C-alpha atoms as a PDB file:
ATOM      1  CA  MET A   1      -2.755   5.209 -12.446  1.00  0.00           C
ATOM      2  CA  GLU A   2      -2.522   1.515 -11.540  1.00  0.00           C
ATOM      3  CA  VAL A   3      -0.097   0.451  -8.821  1.00  0.00           C
ATOM      4  CA  ALA A   4       1.079  -2.869  -7.403  1.00  0.00           C
ATOM      5  CA  LEU A   5       2.488  -3.327  -3.900  1.00  0.00           C
ATOM      6  CA  ILE A   6       5.108  -5.964  -3.091  1.00  0.00           C
ATOM      7  CA  THR A   7       5.847  -6.448   0.602  1.00  0.00           C
ATOM      8  CA  VAL A   8       8.939  -8.490   1.355  1.00  0.00           C
ATOM      9  CA  GLY A   9       9.636 -10.599   4.417  1.00  0.00           C
ATOM     10  CA  ASP A  10       9.486 -14.146   5.761  1.00  0.00           C
ATOM     11  CA  GLU A  11       7.962 -12.676   8.910  1.00  0.00           C
ATOM     12  CA  LEU A  12       4.892 -11.557   6.958  1.00  0.00           C
ATOM     13  CA  LEU A  13       4.267 -15.017   5.541  1.00  0.00           C
ATOM     14  CA  SER A  14       4.764 -16.767   8.876  1.00  0.00           C
ATOM     15  CA  GLY A  15       2.352 -14.445  10.678  1.00  0.00           C
ATOM     16  CA  ASP A  16       5.034 -13.082  12.987  1.00  0.00           C
ATOM     17  CA  THR A  17       4.426  -9.532  11.709  1.00  0.00           C
ATOM     18  CA  VAL A  18       1.124  -7.935  10.704  1.00  0.00           C
ATOM     19  CA  ASN A  19       1.354  -6.367   7.260  1.00  0.00           C
ATOM     20  CA  THR A  20       0.364  -2.850   8.283  1.00  0.00           C
ATOM     21  CA  ASN A  21       2.558  -1.349   5.547  1.00  0.00           C
ATOM     22  CA  ALA A  22       0.354  -2.670   2.743  1.00  0.00           C
ATOM     23  CA  ASN A  23      -2.778  -1.405   4.479  1.00  0.00           C
ATOM     24  CA  TRP A  24      -1.302   2.046   5.063  1.00  0.00           C
ATOM     25  CA  LEU A  25       0.051   2.395   1.538  1.00  0.00           C
ATOM     26  CA  ALA A  26      -3.203   1.240  -0.046  1.00  0.00           C
ATOM     27  CA  GLY A  27      -5.105   3.831   1.957  1.00  0.00           C
ATOM     28  CA  ARG A  28      -2.741   6.666   1.086  1.00  0.00           C
ATOM     29  CA  LEU A  29      -2.771   5.748  -2.595  1.00  0.00           C
ATOM     30  CA  ALA A  30      -6.567   5.499  -2.658  1.00  0.00           C
ATOM     31  CA  GLU A  31      -6.742   8.992  -1.168  1.00  0.00           C
ATOM     32  CA  ARG A  32      -4.728  10.167  -4.161  1.00  0.00           C
ATOM     33  CA  GLY A  33      -7.084   8.542  -6.663  1.00  0.00           C
ATOM     34  CA  VAL A  34      -4.717   5.672  -7.454  1.00  0.00           C
ATOM     35  CA  ALA A  35      -5.996   2.177  -8.194  1.00  0.00           C
ATOM     36  CA  VAL A  36      -4.085  -0.450  -6.203  1.00  0.00           C
ATOM     37  CA  GLU A  37      -4.467  -3.528  -8.403  1.00  0.00           C
ATOM     38  CA  ARG A  38      -2.221  -6.000  -6.577  1.00  0.00           C
ATOM     39  CA  ILE A  39      -0.890  -6.524  -3.058  1.00  0.00           C
ATOM     40  CA  LEU A  40       1.618  -9.367  -2.856  1.00  0.00           C
ATOM     41  CA  SER A  41       3.754 -10.641   0.019  1.00  0.00           C
ATOM     42  CA  VAL A  42       6.891 -12.555  -0.922  1.00  0.00           C
ATOM     43  CA  PRO A  43       9.650 -14.241   1.116  1.00  0.00           C
ATOM     44  CA  ASP A  44      13.193 -12.992   1.533  1.00  0.00           C
ATOM     45  CA  ASP A  45      14.210 -14.856  -1.600  1.00  0.00           C
ATOM     46  CA  ARG A  46      16.234 -12.948  -4.181  1.00  0.00           C
ATOM     47  CA  GLU A  47      14.990 -14.841  -7.228  1.00  0.00           C
ATOM     48  CA  THR A  48      11.330 -14.603  -6.222  1.00  0.00           C
ATOM     49  CA  ILE A  49      11.535 -10.870  -5.545  1.00  0.00           C
ATOM     50  CA  ALA A  50      13.324 -10.207  -8.836  1.00  0.00           C
ATOM     51  CA  ASP A  51      10.764 -12.203 -10.791  1.00  0.00           C
ATOM     52  CA  ARG A  52       7.781 -10.386  -9.285  1.00  0.00           C
ATOM     53  CA  VAL A  53       9.395  -6.960  -9.649  1.00  0.00           C
ATOM     54  CA  ALA A  54      10.122  -7.586 -13.330  1.00  0.00           C
ATOM     55  CA  THR A  55       6.620  -8.929 -14.000  1.00  0.00           C
ATOM     56  CA  TYR A  56       4.778  -6.204 -12.130  1.00  0.00           C
ATOM     57  CA  GLY A  57       7.057  -3.493 -13.515  1.00  0.00           C
ATOM     58  CA  ASP A  58       5.859  -4.386 -17.003  1.00  0.00           C
ATOM     59  CA  ALA A  59       2.194  -4.719 -15.999  1.00  0.00           C
ATOM     60  CA  PHE A  60       1.572  -1.608 -13.882  1.00  0.00           C
ATOM     61  CA  ASP A  61       2.265   2.120 -13.968  1.00  0.00           C
ATOM     62  CA  ARG A  62       4.098   2.014 -10.641  1.00  0.00           C
ATOM     63  CA  VAL A  63       5.354  -0.693  -8.301  1.00  0.00           C
ATOM     64  CA  ILE A  64       6.159  -0.105  -4.637  1.00  0.00           C
ATOM     65  CA  VAL A  65       8.435  -2.643  -2.934  1.00  0.00           C
ATOM     66  CA  THR A  66       8.816  -2.493   0.842  1.00  0.00           C
ATOM     67  CA  GLY A  67      11.068  -4.374   3.249  1.00  0.00           C
ATOM     68  CA  GLY A  68      14.443  -6.056   3.263  1.00  0.00           C
ATOM     69  CA  ILE A  69      16.666  -3.094   2.393  1.00  0.00           C
ATOM     70  CA  GLY A  70      18.901  -3.081   5.488  1.00  0.00           C
ATOM     71  CA  GLY A  71      22.233  -4.744   6.139  1.00  0.00           C
ATOM     72  CA  THR A  72      21.252  -8.084   7.700  1.00  0.00           C
ATOM     73  CA  PRO A  73      21.724 -11.368   5.797  1.00  0.00           C
ATOM     74  CA  ASP A  74      18.015 -11.691   4.995  1.00  0.00           C
ATOM     75  CA  ASP A  75      17.870  -8.200   3.453  1.00  0.00           C
ATOM     76  CA  VAL A  76      18.119  -9.051  -0.249  1.00  0.00           C
ATOM     77  CA  THR A  77      15.592  -6.658  -1.754  1.00  0.00           C
ATOM     78  CA  MET A  78      18.087  -4.222  -3.272  1.00  0.00           C
ATOM     79  CA  GLU A  79      20.030  -7.039  -4.914  1.00  0.00           C
ATOM     80  CA  ALA A  80      16.794  -8.550  -6.218  1.00  0.00           C
ATOM     81  CA  VAL A  81      15.564  -5.270  -7.705  1.00  0.00           C
ATOM     82  CA  ALA A  82      18.948  -4.783  -9.341  1.00  0.00           C
ATOM     83  CA  ASP A  83      18.629  -8.292 -10.799  1.00  0.00           C
ATOM     84  CA  ALA A  84      15.173  -7.456 -12.169  1.00  0.00           C
ATOM     85  CA  PHE A  85      16.671  -4.642 -14.221  1.00  0.00           C
ATOM     86  CA  GLY A  86      19.966  -6.325 -15.066  1.00  0.00           C
ATOM     87  CA  ARG A  87      22.013  -3.897 -12.999  1.00  0.00           C
ATOM     88  CA  ASP A  88      24.719  -4.103 -10.365  1.00  0.00           C
ATOM     89  CA  LEU A  89      24.597  -2.458  -6.969  1.00  0.00           C
ATOM     90  CA  ALA A  90      26.502   0.790  -6.657  1.00  0.00           C
ATOM     91  CA  VAL A  91      27.291   3.321  -3.958  1.00  0.00           C
ATOM     92  CA  SER A  92      26.920   7.006  -4.705  1.00  0.00           C
ATOM     93  CA  GLU A  93      28.591   9.819  -2.822  1.00  0.00           C
ATOM     94  CA  LEU A  94      25.140  10.965  -1.753  1.00  0.00           C
ATOM     95  CA  THR A  95      24.006   7.672  -0.225  1.00  0.00           C
ATOM     96  CA  ARG A  96      27.372   7.017   1.426  1.00  0.00           C
ATOM     97  CA  ALA A  97      27.465  10.498   2.984  1.00  0.00           C
ATOM     98  CA  ASP A  98      23.881  10.123   4.194  1.00  0.00           C
ATOM     99  CA  VAL A  99      24.521   6.751   5.834  1.00  0.00           C
ATOM    100  CA  GLU A 100      27.660   8.106   7.497  1.00  0.00           C
ATOM    101  CA  GLU A 101      25.692  11.084   8.805  1.00  0.00           C
ATOM    102  CA  ARG A 102      22.976   8.807  10.187  1.00  0.00           C
ATOM    103  CA  LEU A 103      25.567   6.601  11.892  1.00  0.00           C
ATOM    104  CA  ALA A 104      27.134   9.660  13.497  1.00  0.00           C
ATOM    105  CA  GLU A 105      23.732  10.705  14.821  1.00  0.00           C
ATOM    106  CA  ILE A 106      23.132   7.212  16.224  1.00  0.00           C
ATOM    107  CA  ALA A 107      26.560   7.250  17.889  1.00  0.00           C
ATOM    108  CA  THR A 108      25.689  10.436  19.773  1.00  0.00           C
ATOM    109  CA  ARG A 109      22.488   8.831  21.082  1.00  0.00           C
ATOM    110  CA  ILE A 110      24.120   5.593  22.229  1.00  0.00           C
ATOM    111  CA  PRO A 111      27.766   6.499  22.869  1.00  0.00           C
ATOM    112  CA  ASP A 112      28.410   3.354  24.901  1.00  0.00           C
ATOM    113  CA  ARG A 113      27.872   1.079  21.875  1.00  0.00           C
ATOM    114  CA  ASP A 114      30.359   0.412  19.096  1.00  0.00           C
ATOM    115  CA  LEU A 115      28.675   0.423  15.689  1.00  0.00           C
ATOM    116  CA  ASP A 116      30.236  -2.065  13.290  1.00  0.00           C
ATOM    117  CA  VAL A 117      28.417  -1.192  10.068  1.00  0.00           C
ATOM    118  CA  ASP A 118      29.584  -1.786   6.506  1.00  0.00           C
ATOM    119  CA  VAL A 119      28.747   1.664   5.178  1.00  0.00           C
ATOM    120  CA  ASP A 120      29.060   0.746   1.518  1.00  0.00           C
ATOM    121  CA  ALA A 121      26.835  -2.306   1.911  1.00  0.00           C
ATOM    122  CA  GLU A 122      24.233  -0.210   3.706  1.00  0.00           C
ATOM    123  CA  ALA A 123      24.379   2.587   1.116  1.00  0.00           C
ATOM    124  CA  ALA A 124      24.325   0.413  -2.025  1.00  0.00           C
ATOM    125  CA  ILE A 125      21.402   0.720  -4.439  1.00  0.00           C
ATOM    126  CA  PRO A 126      20.916  -0.454  -8.043  1.00  0.00           C
ATOM    127  CA  GLY A 127      23.175   1.397 -10.459  1.00  0.00           C
ATOM    128  CA  GLU A 128      21.722   4.478 -12.173  1.00  0.00           C
ATOM    129  CA  SER A 129      18.736   4.534  -9.826  1.00  0.00           C
ATOM    130  CA  ARG A 130      17.441   7.615  -8.012  1.00  0.00           C
ATOM    131  CA  PRO A 131      18.314   7.562  -4.301  1.00  0.00           C
ATOM    132  CA  LEU A 132      15.634   8.166  -1.690  1.00  0.00           C
ATOM    133  CA  LEU A 133      17.309   9.270   1.517  1.00  0.00           C
ATOM    134  CA  ASN A 134      16.068   7.766   4.758  1.00  0.00           C
ATOM    135  CA  ASP A 135      15.442  10.683   7.104  1.00  0.00           C
ATOM    136  CA  ALA A 136      13.857   8.372   9.693  1.00  0.00           C
ATOM    137  CA  GLY A 137      16.369   5.522   9.530  1.00  0.00           C
ATOM    138  CA  LEU A 138      19.594   4.361   7.934  1.00  0.00           C
ATOM    139  CA  ALA A 139      19.417   2.465   4.637  1.00  0.00           C
ATOM    140  CA  PRO A 140      18.351   4.539   1.609  1.00  0.00           C
ATOM    141  CA  GLY A 141      15.557   3.591  -0.728  1.00  0.00           C
ATOM    142  CA  CYS A 142      15.548   4.214  -4.455  1.00  0.00           C
ATOM    143  CA  VAL A 143      13.543   4.529  -7.647  1.00  0.00           C
ATOM    144  CA  VAL A 144      14.473   2.296 -10.593  1.00  0.00           C
ATOM    145  CA  GLU A 145      12.418   3.248 -13.630  1.00  0.00           C
ATOM    146  CA  ASN A 146       8.829   2.755 -12.349  1.00  0.00           C
ATOM    147  CA  VAL A 147       9.755   0.737  -9.231  1.00  0.00           C
ATOM    148  CA  TYR A 148       9.979   2.441  -5.839  1.00  0.00           C
ATOM    149  CA  VAL A 149      11.939   0.601  -3.141  1.00  0.00           C
ATOM    150  CA  LEU A 150      11.073   1.667   0.409  1.00  0.00           C
ATOM    151  CA  PRO A 151      12.013   0.458   3.913  1.00  0.00           C
ATOM    152  CA  GLY A 152       9.954  -2.094   5.808  1.00  0.00           C
ATOM    153  CA  ILE A 153      10.056  -0.322   9.182  1.00  0.00           C
ATOM    154  CA  PRO A 154       6.704   1.517   9.253  1.00  0.00           C
ATOM    155  CA  GLU A 155       8.033   4.871  10.489  1.00  0.00           C
ATOM    156  CA  GLU A 156      10.724   4.874   7.816  1.00  0.00           C
ATOM    157  CA  LEU A 157       8.306   3.722   5.124  1.00  0.00           C
ATOM    158  CA  LYS A 158       5.836   6.506   5.870  1.00  0.00           C
ATOM    159  CA  ALA A 159       8.470   9.222   5.915  1.00  0.00           C
ATOM    160  CA  MET A 160      10.040   8.068   2.648  1.00  0.00           C
ATOM    161  CA  PHE A 161       6.706   7.633   0.885  1.00  0.00           C
ATOM    162  CA  GLU A 162       5.714  11.179   1.767  1.00  0.00           C
ATOM    163  CA  SER A 163       8.836  12.387  -0.050  1.00  0.00           C
ATOM    164  CA  VAL A 164       7.535  10.872  -3.316  1.00  0.00           C
ATOM    165  CA  ALA A 165       3.766  10.960  -2.715  1.00  0.00           C
ATOM    166  CA  ASP A 166       3.234  13.637  -5.358  1.00  0.00           C
ATOM    167  CA  GLU A 167       4.481  11.172  -7.977  1.00  0.00           C
ATOM    168  CA  PHE A 168       1.345   9.076  -7.403  1.00  0.00           C
ATOM    169  CA  ALA A 169      -1.962  10.443  -8.654  1.00  0.00           C
ATOM    170  CA  GLY A 170      -5.061   9.032 -10.302  1.00  0.00           C
ATOM    171  CA  GLU A 171      -8.648   9.787 -11.226  1.00  0.00           C
ATOM    172  CA  ARG A 172     -10.478   7.313  -8.996  1.00  0.00           C
ATOM    173  CA  ARG A 173     -12.894   8.886  -6.550  1.00  0.00           C
ATOM    174  CA  SER A 174     -15.149   7.338  -3.924  1.00  0.00           C
ATOM    175  CA  ARG A 175     -18.332   8.089  -2.020  1.00  0.00           C
ATOM    176  CA  PHE A 176     -19.636   6.343   1.095  1.00  0.00           C
ATOM    177  CA  LEU A 177     -23.212   5.606   2.134  1.00  0.00           C
ATOM    178  CA  TYR A 178     -24.534   3.684   5.120  1.00  0.00           C
ATOM    179  CA  THR A 179     -27.569   1.438   5.492  1.00  0.00           C
ATOM    180  CA  VAL A 180     -29.079  -0.951   8.021  1.00  0.00           C
ATOM    181  CA  GLU A 181     -30.793  -2.901   5.259  1.00  0.00           C
ATOM    182  CA  PRO A 182     -29.655  -6.541   5.025  1.00  0.00           C
ATOM    183  CA  GLU A 183     -27.354  -7.177   2.074  1.00  0.00           C
ATOM    184  CA  ALA A 184     -29.814  -9.589   0.497  1.00  0.00           C
ATOM    185  CA  ASN A 185     -32.453  -6.856   0.315  1.00  0.00           C
ATOM    186  CA  ILE A 186     -30.312  -4.347  -1.591  1.00  0.00           C
ATOM    187  CA  VAL A 187     -28.490  -6.524  -4.140  1.00  0.00           C
ATOM    188  CA  PRO A 188     -30.837  -5.571  -7.027  1.00  0.00           C
ATOM    189  CA  ALA A 189     -30.438  -1.854  -6.271  1.00  0.00           C
ATOM    190  CA  LEU A 190     -26.650  -2.116  -6.122  1.00  0.00           C
ATOM    191  CA  GLU A 191     -26.551  -3.958  -9.441  1.00  0.00           C
ATOM    192  CA  GLU A 192     -28.813  -1.389 -11.072  1.00  0.00           C
ATOM    193  CA  ALA A 193     -26.707   1.498  -9.773  1.00  0.00           C
ATOM    194  CA  MET A 194     -23.574  -0.022 -11.286  1.00  0.00           C
ATOM    195  CA  GLU A 195     -25.280  -0.553 -14.640  1.00  0.00           C
ATOM    196  CA  ARG A 196     -26.906   2.891 -14.750  1.00  0.00           C
ATOM    197  CA  PHE A 197     -23.983   5.034 -13.669  1.00  0.00           C
ATOM    198  CA  ASP A 198     -20.799   3.126 -14.576  1.00  0.00           C
ATOM    199  CA  VAL A 199     -19.578   2.926 -10.997  1.00  0.00           C
ATOM    200  CA  THR A 200     -18.617   0.009  -8.802  1.00  0.00           C
ATOM    201  CA  VAL A 201     -20.422  -0.475  -5.504  1.00  0.00           C
ATOM    202  CA  GLY A 202     -19.035  -2.544  -2.658  1.00  0.00           C
ATOM    203  CA  CYS A 203     -21.043  -3.529   0.398  1.00  0.00           C
ATOM    204  CA  TYR A 204     -19.061  -3.982   3.617  1.00  0.00           C
ATOM    205  CA  PRO A 205     -20.968  -5.225   6.694  1.00  0.00           C
ATOM    206  CA  ASP A 206     -19.790  -3.894  10.028  1.00  0.00           C
ATOM    207  CA  ARG A 207     -21.493  -5.728  12.898  1.00  0.00           C
ATOM    208  CA  GLU A 208     -19.730  -3.658  15.541  1.00  0.00           C
ATOM    209  CA  ALA A 209     -20.968  -0.390  14.024  1.00  0.00           C
ATOM    210  CA  GLY A 210     -24.383  -1.902  13.277  1.00  0.00           C
ATOM    211  CA  HIS A 211     -24.597  -1.009   9.602  1.00  0.00           C
ATOM    212  CA  ASN A 212     -23.521  -1.893   6.089  1.00  0.00           C
ATOM    213  CA  ARG A 213     -21.090   0.545   4.491  1.00  0.00           C
ATOM    214  CA  LEU A 214     -21.560   1.116   0.779  1.00  0.00           C
ATOM    215  CA  LYS A 215     -18.564   2.359  -1.192  1.00  0.00           C
ATOM    216  CA  LEU A 216     -19.099   3.770  -4.669  1.00  0.00           C
ATOM    217  CA  VAL A 217     -16.002   4.117  -6.831  1.00  0.00           C
ATOM    218  CA  GLY A 218     -15.679   5.770 -10.228  1.00  0.00           C
ATOM    219  CA  THR A 219     -13.573   8.138 -12.315  1.00  0.00           C
ATOM    220  CA  ASP A 220     -16.400  10.519 -13.293  1.00  0.00           C
ATOM    221  CA  GLU A 221     -17.451  12.879 -10.512  1.00  0.00           C
ATOM    222  CA  SER A 222     -20.895  13.492 -11.997  1.00  0.00           C
ATOM    223  CA  ALA A 223     -21.585   9.753 -12.405  1.00  0.00           C
ATOM    224  CA  LEU A 224     -20.408   9.125  -8.855  1.00  0.00           C
ATOM    225  CA  SER A 225     -22.666  11.855  -7.530  1.00  0.00           C
ATOM    226  CA  ALA A 226     -25.650  10.663  -9.570  1.00  0.00           C
ATOM    227  CA  GLY A 227     -25.127   7.040  -8.555  1.00  0.00           C
ATOM    228  CA  GLY A 228     -24.983   7.938  -4.896  1.00  0.00           C
ATOM    229  CA  ASP A 229     -28.054  10.124  -5.118  1.00  0.00           C
ATOM    230  CA  TRP A 230     -29.951   7.350  -6.905  1.00  0.00           C
ATOM    231  CA  LEU A 231     -29.083   4.873  -4.144  1.00  0.00           C
ATOM    232  CA  LEU A 232     -30.162   7.346  -1.491  1.00  0.00           C
ATOM    233  CA  ALA A 233     -33.520   7.568  -3.246  1.00  0.00           C
ATOM    234  CA  ASN A 234     -33.953   3.833  -3.750  1.00  0.00           C
ATOM    235  CA  VAL A 235     -32.369   2.281  -0.659  1.00  0.00           C
ATOM    236  CA  ASP A 236     -32.882   3.082   3.004  1.00  0.00           C
ATOM    237  CA  ALA A 237     -29.425   4.678   3.187  1.00  0.00           C
ATOM    238  CA  SER A 238     -27.737   7.760   4.577  1.00  0.00           C
ATOM    239  CA  GLU A 239     -24.536   9.694   4.013  1.00  0.00           C
ATOM    240  CA  THR A 240     -23.869   9.566   7.752  1.00  0.00           C
ATOM    241  CA  PRO A 241     -23.362   6.341   9.737  1.00  0.00           C
ATOM    242  CA  VAL A 242     -26.508   4.773  11.132  1.00  0.00           C
ATOM    243  CA  ALA A 243     -26.719   1.903  13.574  1.00  0.00           C
ATOM    244  CA  ARG A 244     -28.981  -0.989  14.388  1.00  0.00           C
ATOM    245  CA  ASP A 245     -28.731  -3.812  16.914  1.00  0.00           C
ATOM    246  CA  TRP A 246     -28.090  -6.827  14.715  1.00  0.00           C
ATOM    247  CA  GLY A 247     -29.294  -9.883  16.595  1.00  0.00           C
ATOM    248  CA  ASP A 248     -28.300 -13.458  15.899  1.00  0.00           C
ATOM    249  CA  GLY A 249     -31.263 -13.819  13.577  1.00  0.00           C
ATOM    250  CA  ASP A 250     -29.767 -11.244  11.227  1.00  0.00           C
ATOM    251  CA  ALA A 251     -26.319 -12.827  11.089  1.00  0.00           C
ATOM    252  CA  ASP A 252     -26.742 -14.592   7.768  1.00  0.00           C
ATOM    253  CA  ALA A 253     -28.072 -11.476   6.114  1.00  0.00           C
ATOM    254  CA  HIS A 254     -25.230  -9.228   7.236  1.00  0.00           C
ATOM    255  CA  GLU A 255     -22.073 -11.286   7.419  1.00  0.00           C
ATOM    256  CA  PRO A 256     -19.683 -10.848   4.445  1.00  0.00           C
ATOM    257  CA  ASP A 257     -19.332 -13.704   1.993  1.00  0.00           C
ATOM    258  CA  ASP A 258     -16.431 -16.122   2.368  1.00  0.00           C
END
């Protein structure tokens, strides 16, 4: 399964907010064997969001869109996703009742505040889509064909993703090795491993940990196992982290490429 992630928000592009949602989702999807082929951040612009959703919806098995589903003026994601599929926004009895229930819960927690919320605006999702109720927040998410629309607030995102996590599965598997060998010394071995065993091998220097982390990725368990074993036999590597004090003289050999 190939998936694209679209994270929505001006705050992401301005650097005001760190995009932890994309990192978390990519990790969870990788754990499930899914290939994340694109991660894109877009502004709170309805036309831009709709264009990317339509394009990615055609190109990938699944698309996850996060952010901009609340009731503030810059929250245009639901409208944009509806535009991408040529639909109008609609309010179902389920989403309206859920938003009303959430508002009642909020009112009990902060009784001294008046909540002036347009329930229908908060509960609206693209017509004929599948609602995803927001147990950790207010505004619902939804699924429109192969596009999953989730909240941008991390706690809400995580809770809602877990409710649909079983709908994401793939065959990609990975294996990690560790070496203190400089990258330049092991390039030929990495290339040969990829050619021999039909796996990809990434080398990720970690100066703080004092080693290079090798990540083998493939869809065939036996090829992945054989490729890792071959590297263990041909490179000074280990399946457990090893460390070395990398001095300034080793910097060029270990730092990742630009």
